[in-house]
PDB file of N, CA and C in Angstrom:
ATOM      1  N   MET A   1       3.971 -26.782 -22.229  1.00  0.00           N
ATOM      2  CA  MET A   1       3.238 -27.561 -23.061  1.00  0.00           C
ATOM      3  C   MET A   1       3.699 -29.048 -22.934  1.00  0.00           C
ATOM      4  N   GLU A   2       5.005 -29.284 -22.795  1.00  0.00           N
ATOM      5  CA  GLU A   2       5.592 -30.596 -22.762  1.00  0.00           C
ATOM      6  C   GLU A   2       5.210 -31.377 -21.524  1.00  0.00           C
ATOM      7  N   LYS A   3       5.065 -30.598 -20.430  1.00  0.00           N
ATOM      8  CA  LYS A   3       4.547 -31.242 -19.185  1.00  0.00           C
ATOM      9  C   LYS A   3       3.150 -31.767 -19.316  1.00  0.00           C
ATOM     10  N   VAL A   4       2.232 -30.945 -19.980  1.00  0.00           N
ATOM     11  CA  VAL A   4       0.917 -31.243 -20.137  1.00  0.00           C
ATOM     12  C   VAL A   4       0.770 -32.558 -21.131  1.00  0.00           C
ATOM     13  N   LYS A   5       1.509 -32.494 -22.138  1.00  0.00           N
ATOM     14  CA  LYS A   5       1.600 -33.617 -23.116  1.00  0.00           C
ATOM     15  C   LYS A   5       2.087 -34.967 -22.389  1.00  0.00           C
ATOM     16  N   GLU A   6       3.181 -34.742 -21.614  1.00  0.00           N
ATOM     17  CA  GLU A   6       3.688 -35.835 -20.921  1.00  0.00           C
ATOM     18  C   GLU A   6       2.711 -36.431 -19.936  1.00  0.00           C
ATOM     19  N   PHE A   7       2.010 -35.595 -19.222  1.00  0.00           N
ATOM     20  CA  PHE A   7       0.992 -36.039 -18.182  1.00  0.00           C
ATOM     21  C   PHE A   7      -0.047 -36.824 -18.769  1.00  0.00           C
ATOM     22  N   ILE A   8      -0.759 -36.204 -19.978  1.00  0.00           N
ATOM     23  CA  ILE A   8      -1.771 -36.719 -20.654  1.00  0.00           C
ATOM     24  C   ILE A   8      -1.416 -38.132 -21.221  1.00  0.00           C
ATOM     25  N   VAL A   9      -0.315 -38.109 -22.035  1.00  0.00           N
ATOM     26  CA  VAL A   9       0.034 -39.367 -22.638  1.00  0.00           C
ATOM     27  C   VAL A   9       0.410 -40.526 -21.597  1.00  0.00           C
ATOM     28  N   ASP A  10       1.091 -40.175 -20.558  1.00  0.00           N
ATOM     29  CA  ASP A  10       1.438 -41.126 -19.513  1.00  0.00           C
ATOM     30  C   ASP A  10       0.125 -41.637 -18.939  1.00  0.00           C
ATOM     31  N   TYR A  11      -0.878 -40.832 -18.685  1.00  0.00           N
ATOM     32  CA  TYR A  11      -2.085 -41.342 -18.160  1.00  0.00           C
ATOM     33  C   TYR A  11      -2.792 -42.225 -18.996  1.00  0.00           C
ATOM     34  N   ILE A  12      -2.912 -41.976 -20.184  1.00  0.00           N
ATOM     35  CA  ILE A  12      -3.426 -43.011 -21.170  1.00  0.00           C
ATOM     36  C   ILE A  12      -2.639 -44.236 -21.301  1.00  0.00           C
ATOM     37  N   GLN A  13      -1.351 -44.135 -21.237  1.00  0.00           N
ATOM     38  CA  GLN A  13      -0.559 -45.372 -21.406  1.00  0.00           C
ATOM     39  C   GLN A  13      -0.449 -46.138 -20.117  1.00  0.00           C
ATOM     40  N   ARG A  14      -1.030 -45.676 -19.052  1.00  0.00           N
ATOM     41  CA  ARG A  14      -0.979 -46.434 -17.797  1.00  0.00           C
ATOM     42  C   ARG A  14      -1.774 -47.697 -18.044  1.00  0.00           C
ATOM     43  N   GLU A  15      -2.884 -47.733 -18.688  1.00  0.00           N
ATOM     44  CA  GLU A  15      -3.705 -48.769 -18.914  1.00  0.00           C
ATOM     45  C   GLU A  15      -3.429 -49.559 -20.267  1.00  0.00           C
ATOM     46  N   TYR A  16      -2.923 -48.848 -21.287  1.00  0.00           N
ATOM     47  CA  TYR A  16      -2.705 -49.396 -22.684  1.00  0.00           C
ATOM     48  C   TYR A  16      -1.410 -48.838 -23.198  1.00  0.00           C
ATOM     49  N   THR A  17      -0.815 -49.611 -23.985  1.00  0.00           N
ATOM     50  CA  THR A  17       0.398 -49.163 -24.753  1.00  0.00           C
ATOM     51  C   THR A  17      -0.119 -48.718 -26.071  1.00  0.00           C
ATOM     52  N   ILE A  18       0.188 -47.515 -26.369  1.00  0.00           N
ATOM     53  CA  ILE A  18      -0.211 -46.922 -27.700  1.00  0.00           C
ATOM     54  C   ILE A  18       0.885 -47.222 -28.699  1.00  0.00           C
ATOM     55  N   SER A  19       0.509 -47.942 -29.743  1.00  0.00           N
ATOM     56  CA  SER A  19       1.422 -48.296 -30.753  1.00  0.00           C
ATOM     57  C   SER A  19       2.277 -47.095 -31.311  1.00  0.00           C
ATOM     58  N   GLU A  20       3.513 -47.381 -31.646  1.00  0.00           N
ATOM     59  CA  GLU A  20       4.336 -46.306 -32.122  1.00  0.00           C
ATOM     60  C   GLU A  20       3.894 -45.716 -33.504  1.00  0.00           C
ATOM     61  N   ASP A  21       3.147 -46.554 -34.237  1.00  0.00           N
ATOM     62  CA  ASP A  21       2.750 -46.019 -35.602  1.00  0.00           C
ATOM     63  C   ASP A  21       1.442 -45.114 -35.438  1.00  0.00           C
ATOM     64  N   ILE A  22       0.951 -44.911 -34.306  1.00  0.00           N
ATOM     65  CA  ILE A  22      -0.171 -43.991 -34.242  1.00  0.00           C
ATOM     66  C   ILE A  22       0.320 -42.638 -33.886  1.00  0.00           C
ATOM     67  N   ASP A  23      -0.357 -41.632 -34.653  1.00  0.00           N
ATOM     68  CA  ASP A  23       0.024 -40.158 -34.208  1.00  0.00           C
ATOM     69  C   ASP A  23      -0.691 -39.846 -32.999  1.00  0.00           C
ATOM     70  N   ILE A  24      -0.022 -39.776 -31.924  1.00  0.00           N
ATOM     71  CA  ILE A  24      -0.622 -39.484 -30.566  1.00  0.00           C
ATOM     72  C   ILE A  24      -1.407 -38.155 -30.558  1.00  0.00           C
ATOM     73  N   MET A  25      -0.936 -37.247 -31.334  1.00  0.00           N
ATOM     74  CA  MET A  25      -1.645 -36.006 -31.182  1.00  0.00           C
ATOM     75  C   MET A  25      -2.983 -35.995 -31.867  1.00  0.00           C
ATOM     76  N   GLU A  26      -3.244 -36.961 -32.817  1.00  0.00           N
ATOM     77  CA  GLU A  26      -4.503 -37.089 -33.455  1.00  0.00           C
ATOM     78  C   GLU A  26      -5.251 -38.189 -32.955  1.00  0.00           C
ATOM     79  N   LEU A  27      -4.816 -38.938 -31.920  1.00  0.00           N
ATOM     80  CA  LEU A  27      -5.456 -39.990 -31.350  1.00  0.00           C
ATOM     81  C   LEU A  27      -6.826 -39.577 -30.643  1.00  0.00           C
ATOM     82  N   ASN A  28      -7.948 -40.147 -31.017  1.00  0.00           N
ATOM     83  CA  ASN A  28      -9.293 -39.959 -30.369  1.00  0.00           C
ATOM     84  C   ASN A  28      -9.282 -41.125 -29.269  1.00  0.00           C
ATOM     85  N   TYR A  29      -8.826 -40.856 -28.085  1.00  0.00           N
ATOM     86  CA  TYR A  29      -8.624 -41.875 -27.081  1.00  0.00           C
ATOM     87  C   TYR A  29      -9.942 -42.575 -26.565  1.00  0.00           C
ATOM     88  N   VAL A  30     -11.007 -41.859 -26.950  1.00  0.00           N
ATOM     89  CA  VAL A  30     -12.218 -42.591 -26.565  1.00  0.00           C
ATOM     90  C   VAL A  30     -12.726 -43.418 -27.682  1.00  0.00           C
ATOM     91  N   GLU A  31     -12.768 -42.981 -28.893  1.00  0.00           N
ATOM     92  CA  GLU A  31     -13.169 -43.802 -30.072  1.00  0.00           C
ATOM     93  C   GLU A  31     -12.151 -45.003 -30.283  1.00  0.00           C
ATOM     94  N   SER A  32     -11.007 -44.802 -29.959  1.00  0.00           N
ATOM     95  CA  SER A  32     -10.002 -45.796 -30.117  1.00  0.00           C
ATOM     96  C   SER A  32     -10.090 -46.902 -28.946  1.00  0.00           C
ATOM     97  N   GLY A  33     -10.835 -46.662 -27.962  1.00  0.00           N
ATOM     98  CA  GLY A  33     -11.037 -47.577 -26.831  1.00  0.00           C
ATOM     99  C   GLY A  33      -9.923 -47.502 -25.678  1.00  0.00           C
ATOM    100  N   TYR A  34      -9.202 -46.405 -25.703  1.00  0.00           N
ATOM    101  CA  TYR A  34      -8.082 -46.420 -24.632  1.00  0.00           C
ATOM    102  C   TYR A  34      -8.758 -45.929 -23.296  1.00  0.00           C
ATOM    103  N   ILE A  35      -9.849 -45.163 -23.436  1.00  0.00           N
ATOM    104  CA  ILE A  35     -10.433 -44.739 -22.222  1.00  0.00           C
ATOM    105  C   ILE A  35     -12.013 -44.819 -22.593  1.00  0.00           C
ATOM    106  N   ASP A  36     -12.808 -45.299 -21.719  1.00  0.00           N
ATOM    107  CA  ASP A  36     -14.213 -45.297 -21.943  1.00  0.00           C
ATOM    108  C   ASP A  36     -14.840 -44.156 -21.514  1.00  0.00           C
ATOM    109  N   SER A  37     -16.163 -43.870 -21.819  1.00  0.00           N
ATOM    110  CA  SER A  37     -16.818 -42.588 -21.426  1.00  0.00           C
ATOM    111  C   SER A  37     -16.790 -42.333 -19.891  1.00  0.00           C
ATOM    112  N   MET A  38     -16.975 -43.435 -18.998  1.00  0.00           N
ATOM    113  CA  MET A  38     -16.876 -43.310 -17.608  1.00  0.00           C
ATOM    114  C   MET A  38     -15.423 -42.959 -17.220  1.00  0.00           C
ATOM    115  N   GLY A  39     -14.492 -43.604 -17.868  1.00  0.00           N
ATOM    116  CA  GLY A  39     -13.072 -43.435 -17.520  1.00  0.00           C
ATOM    117  C   GLY A  39     -12.769 -41.922 -17.859  1.00  0.00           C
ATOM    118  N   MET A  40     -13.441 -41.427 -18.946  1.00  0.00           N
ATOM    119  CA  MET A  40     -13.178 -40.059 -19.448  1.00  0.00           C
ATOM    120  C   MET A  40     -13.340 -39.048 -18.304  1.00  0.00           C
ATOM    121  N   ILE A  41     -14.495 -39.270 -17.546  1.00  0.00           N
ATOM    122  CA  ILE A  41     -14.783 -38.364 -16.503  1.00  0.00           C
ATOM    123  C   ILE A  41     -13.728 -38.338 -15.447  1.00  0.00           C
ATOM    124  N   GLN A  42     -13.298 -39.453 -15.143  1.00  0.00           N
ATOM    125  CA  GLN A  42     -12.264 -39.561 -14.174  1.00  0.00           C
ATOM    126  C   GLN A  42     -10.964 -38.900 -14.640  1.00  0.00           C
ATOM    127  N   PHE A  43     -10.689 -39.130 -15.910  1.00  0.00           N
ATOM    128  CA  PHE A  43      -9.419 -38.479 -16.599  1.00  0.00           C
ATOM    129  C   PHE A  43      -9.483 -37.154 -16.470  1.00  0.00           C
ATOM    130  N   ILE A  44     -10.577 -36.539 -16.979  1.00  0.00           N
ATOM    131  CA  ILE A  44     -10.841 -35.073 -16.903  1.00  0.00           C
ATOM    132  C   ILE A  44     -10.663 -34.422 -15.493  1.00  0.00           C
ATOM    133  N   ALA A  45     -11.103 -35.230 -14.395  1.00  0.00           N
ATOM    134  CA  ALA A  45     -10.982 -34.862 -13.164  1.00  0.00           C
ATOM    135  C   ALA A  45      -9.578 -34.801 -12.622  1.00  0.00           C
ATOM    136  N   VAL A  46      -8.824 -35.807 -13.056  1.00  0.00           N
ATOM    137  CA  VAL A  46      -7.400 -35.896 -12.736  1.00  0.00           C
ATOM    138  C   VAL A  46      -6.641 -34.638 -13.354  1.00  0.00           C
ATOM    139  N   ILE A  47      -6.941 -34.402 -14.583  1.00  0.00           N
ATOM    140  CA  ILE A  47      -6.357 -33.246 -15.331  1.00  0.00           C
ATOM    141  C   ILE A  47      -6.651 -31.897 -14.595  1.00  0.00           C
ATOM    142  N   GLU A  48      -7.954 -31.889 -14.220  1.00  0.00           N
ATOM    143  CA  GLU A  48      -8.207 -30.588 -13.463  1.00  0.00           C
ATOM    144  C   GLU A  48      -7.494 -30.379 -12.197  1.00  0.00           C
ATOM    145  N   ASP A  49      -7.426 -31.551 -11.517  1.00  0.00           N
ATOM    146  CA  ASP A  49      -6.685 -31.524 -10.162  1.00  0.00           C
ATOM    147  C   ASP A  49      -5.182 -31.280 -10.434  1.00  0.00           C
ATOM    148  N   GLU A  50      -4.600 -31.911 -11.340  1.00  0.00           N
ATOM    149  CA  GLU A  50      -3.239 -31.863 -11.584  1.00  0.00           C
ATOM    150  C   GLU A  50      -2.816 -30.364 -11.942  1.00  0.00           C
ATOM    151  N   PHE A  51      -3.636 -29.800 -12.647  1.00  0.00           N
ATOM    152  CA  PHE A  51      -3.174 -28.411 -13.281  1.00  0.00           C
ATOM    153  C   PHE A  51      -4.047 -27.308 -12.641  1.00  0.00           C
ATOM    154  N   GLY A  52      -4.841 -27.597 -11.717  1.00  0.00           N
ATOM    155  CA  GLY A  52      -5.684 -26.473 -11.054  1.00  0.00           C
ATOM    156  C   GLY A  52      -6.525 -25.689 -11.953  1.00  0.00           C
ATOM    157  N   ILE A  53      -7.128 -26.421 -12.984  1.00  0.00           N
ATOM    158  CA  ILE A  53      -8.088 -25.809 -13.998  1.00  0.00           C
ATOM    159  C   ILE A  53      -9.389 -26.515 -13.823  1.00  0.00           C
ATOM    160  N   SER A  54     -10.425 -25.966 -14.529  1.00  0.00           N
ATOM    161  CA  SER A  54     -11.603 -26.632 -14.647  1.00  0.00           C
ATOM    162  C   SER A  54     -12.282 -26.378 -15.975  1.00  0.00           C
ATOM    163  N   PHE A  55     -12.852 -27.504 -16.472  1.00  0.00           N
ATOM    164  CA  PHE A  55     -13.578 -27.380 -17.821  1.00  0.00           C
ATOM    165  C   PHE A  55     -15.098 -27.048 -17.667  1.00  0.00           C
ATOM    166  N   SER A  56     -15.630 -26.173 -18.397  1.00  0.00           N
ATOM    167  CA  SER A  56     -17.067 -25.962 -18.500  1.00  0.00           C
ATOM    168  C   SER A  56     -17.755 -27.152 -19.084  1.00  0.00           C
ATOM    169  N   ASP A  57     -19.089 -27.156 -18.792  1.00  0.00           N
ATOM    170  CA  ASP A  57     -19.908 -28.223 -19.346  1.00  0.00           C
ATOM    171  C   ASP A  57     -19.916 -28.164 -20.897  1.00  0.00           C
ATOM    172  N   ASP A  58     -19.875 -26.936 -21.424  1.00  0.00           N
ATOM    173  CA  ASP A  58     -19.764 -26.785 -22.916  1.00  0.00           C
ATOM    174  C   ASP A  58     -18.401 -27.303 -23.473  1.00  0.00           C
ATOM    175  N   GLU A  59     -17.294 -27.204 -22.650  1.00  0.00           N
ATOM    176  CA  GLU A  59     -15.991 -27.627 -23.114  1.00  0.00           C
ATOM    177  C   GLU A  59     -16.025 -29.203 -23.072  1.00  0.00           C
ATOM    178  N   LEU A  60     -16.746 -29.587 -22.040  1.00  0.00           N
ATOM    179  CA  LEU A  60     -16.780 -31.066 -21.894  1.00  0.00           C
ATOM    180  C   LEU A  60     -17.591 -31.867 -22.985  1.00  0.00           C
ATOM    181  N   ALA A  61     -18.514 -31.088 -23.598  1.00  0.00           N
ATOM    182  CA  ALA A  61     -19.364 -31.578 -24.577  1.00  0.00           C
ATOM    183  C   ALA A  61     -18.628 -31.551 -26.056  1.00  0.00           C
ATOM    184  N   GLU A  62     -17.586 -30.797 -26.169  1.00  0.00           N
ATOM    185  CA  GLU A  62     -16.931 -30.529 -27.481  1.00  0.00           C
ATOM    186  C   GLU A  62     -16.084 -31.917 -27.705  1.00  0.00           C
ATOM    187  N   PRO A  63     -16.226 -32.303 -29.063  1.00  0.00           N
ATOM    188  CA  PRO A  63     -15.500 -33.482 -29.499  1.00  0.00           C
ATOM    189  C   PRO A  63     -14.003 -33.385 -29.325  1.00  0.00           C
ATOM    190  N   ASP A  64     -13.481 -32.169 -29.406  1.00  0.00           N
ATOM    191  CA  ASP A  64     -12.020 -31.961 -29.403  1.00  0.00           C
ATOM    192  C   ASP A  64     -11.476 -32.392 -28.066  1.00  0.00           C
ATOM    193  N   ILE A  65     -12.209 -32.520 -27.003  1.00  0.00           N
ATOM    194  CA  ILE A  65     -11.689 -32.996 -25.688  1.00  0.00           C
ATOM    195  C   ILE A  65     -11.187 -34.400 -25.666  1.00  0.00           C
ATOM    196  N   LYS A  66     -11.759 -35.114 -26.735  1.00  0.00           N
ATOM    197  CA  LYS A  66     -11.373 -36.558 -26.890  1.00  0.00           C
ATOM    198  C   LYS A  66     -10.211 -36.934 -27.661  1.00  0.00           C
ATOM    199  N   VAL A  67      -9.600 -35.803 -28.269  1.00  0.00           N
ATOM    200  CA  VAL A  67      -8.382 -35.936 -29.193  1.00  0.00           C
ATOM    201  C   VAL A  67      -7.252 -35.468 -28.338  1.00  0.00           C
ATOM    202  N   VAL A  68      -6.231 -36.277 -28.265  1.00  0.00           N
ATOM    203  CA  VAL A  68      -5.058 -35.990 -27.482  1.00  0.00           C
ATOM    204  C   VAL A  68      -4.421 -34.649 -27.694  1.00  0.00           C
ATOM    205  N   GLY A  69      -4.055 -34.245 -28.917  1.00  0.00           N
ATOM    206  CA  GLY A  69      -3.503 -33.042 -29.299  1.00  0.00           C
ATOM    207  C   GLY A  69      -4.395 -31.773 -28.879  1.00  0.00           C
ATOM    208  N   LYS A  70      -5.643 -31.969 -29.276  1.00  0.00           N
ATOM    209  CA  LYS A  70      -6.619 -30.849 -29.053  1.00  0.00           C
ATOM    210  C   LYS A  70      -6.843 -30.708 -27.485  1.00  0.00           C
ATOM    211  N   LEU A  71      -6.889 -31.816 -26.789  1.00  0.00           N
ATOM    212  CA  LEU A  71      -7.060 -31.706 -25.270  1.00  0.00           C
ATOM    213  C   LEU A  71      -5.762 -31.052 -24.661  1.00  0.00           C
ATOM    214  N   ILE A  72      -4.634 -31.326 -25.174  1.00  0.00           N
ATOM    215  CA  ILE A  72      -3.446 -30.758 -24.647  1.00  0.00           C
ATOM    216  C   ILE A  72      -3.544 -29.162 -24.992  1.00  0.00           C
ATOM    217  N   ASN A  73      -3.985 -28.793 -26.097  1.00  0.00           N
ATOM    218  CA  ASN A  73      -4.136 -27.272 -26.500  1.00  0.00           C
ATOM    219  C   ASN A  73      -5.156 -26.740 -25.531  1.00  0.00           C
ATOM    220  N   MET A  74      -6.246 -27.467 -25.285  1.00  0.00           N
ATOM    221  CA  MET A  74      -7.169 -26.814 -24.389  1.00  0.00           C
ATOM    222  C   MET A  74      -6.627 -26.622 -22.995  1.00  0.00           C
ATOM    223  N   VAL A  75      -5.861 -27.462 -22.397  1.00  0.00           N
ATOM    224  CA  VAL A  75      -5.297 -27.400 -21.053  1.00  0.00           C
ATOM    225  C   VAL A  75      -4.278 -26.230 -21.109  1.00  0.00           C
ATOM    226  N   VAL A  76      -3.390 -26.267 -22.127  1.00  0.00           N
ATOM    227  CA  VAL A  76      -2.456 -25.178 -22.272  1.00  0.00           C
ATOM    228  C   VAL A  76      -3.148 -23.819 -22.194  1.00  0.00           C
ATOM    229  N   LYS A  77      -4.163 -23.635 -23.031  1.00  0.00           N
ATOM    230  CA  LYS A  77      -4.852 -22.425 -23.103  1.00  0.00           C
ATOM    231  C   LYS A  77      -5.409 -22.073 -21.764  1.00  0.00           C
ATOM    232  N   LYS A  78      -5.932 -23.038 -21.032  1.00  0.00           N
ATOM    233  CA  LYS A  78      -6.631 -22.663 -19.674  1.00  0.00           C
ATOM    234  C   LYS A  78      -5.418 -22.252 -18.677  1.00  0.00           C
ATOM    235  N   LEU A  79      -4.233 -22.903 -18.869  1.00  0.00           N
ATOM    236  CA  LEU A  79      -3.220 -22.586 -17.941  1.00  0.00           C
ATOM    237  C   LEU A  79      -2.638 -21.098 -18.220  1.00  0.00           C
ATOM    238  N   GLU A  80      -2.677 -20.678 -19.407  1.00  0.00           N
ATOM    239  CA  GLU A  80      -2.272 -19.356 -19.823  1.00  0.00           C
ATOM    240  C   GLU A  80      -3.335 -18.364 -19.193  1.00  0.00           C
ATOM    241  N   GLU A  81      -4.610 -18.738 -19.074  1.00  0.00           N
ATOM    242  CA  GLU A  81      -5.702 -17.849 -18.561  1.00  0.00           C
ATOM    243  C   GLU A  81      -5.554 -17.669 -17.159  1.00  0.00           C
ATOM    244  N   VAL A  82      -4.897 -18.550 -16.432  1.00  0.00           N
ATOM    245  CA  VAL A  82      -4.883 -18.573 -14.921  1.00  0.00           C
ATOM    246  C   VAL A  82      -3.899 -17.416 -14.474  1.00  0.00           C
TER     247      VAL A  82
END
């Protein structure tokens, strides 16, 4: 899980520095403006490539995929299924 968290947080922070007073696990990176909707497609593709997983259209439509902590949990769950 730490590897997944580190990868996701590092990716988001490549473009922007996330303030220390923000709970990263609760951060909605789309609504907060860290990644726009077009960037999110690329972000998800990078995650899929990095971890050898894929998200279904239903998963991509879930609001949870836009929240860092919930996205991490989704990736970890997929890795356990592989």
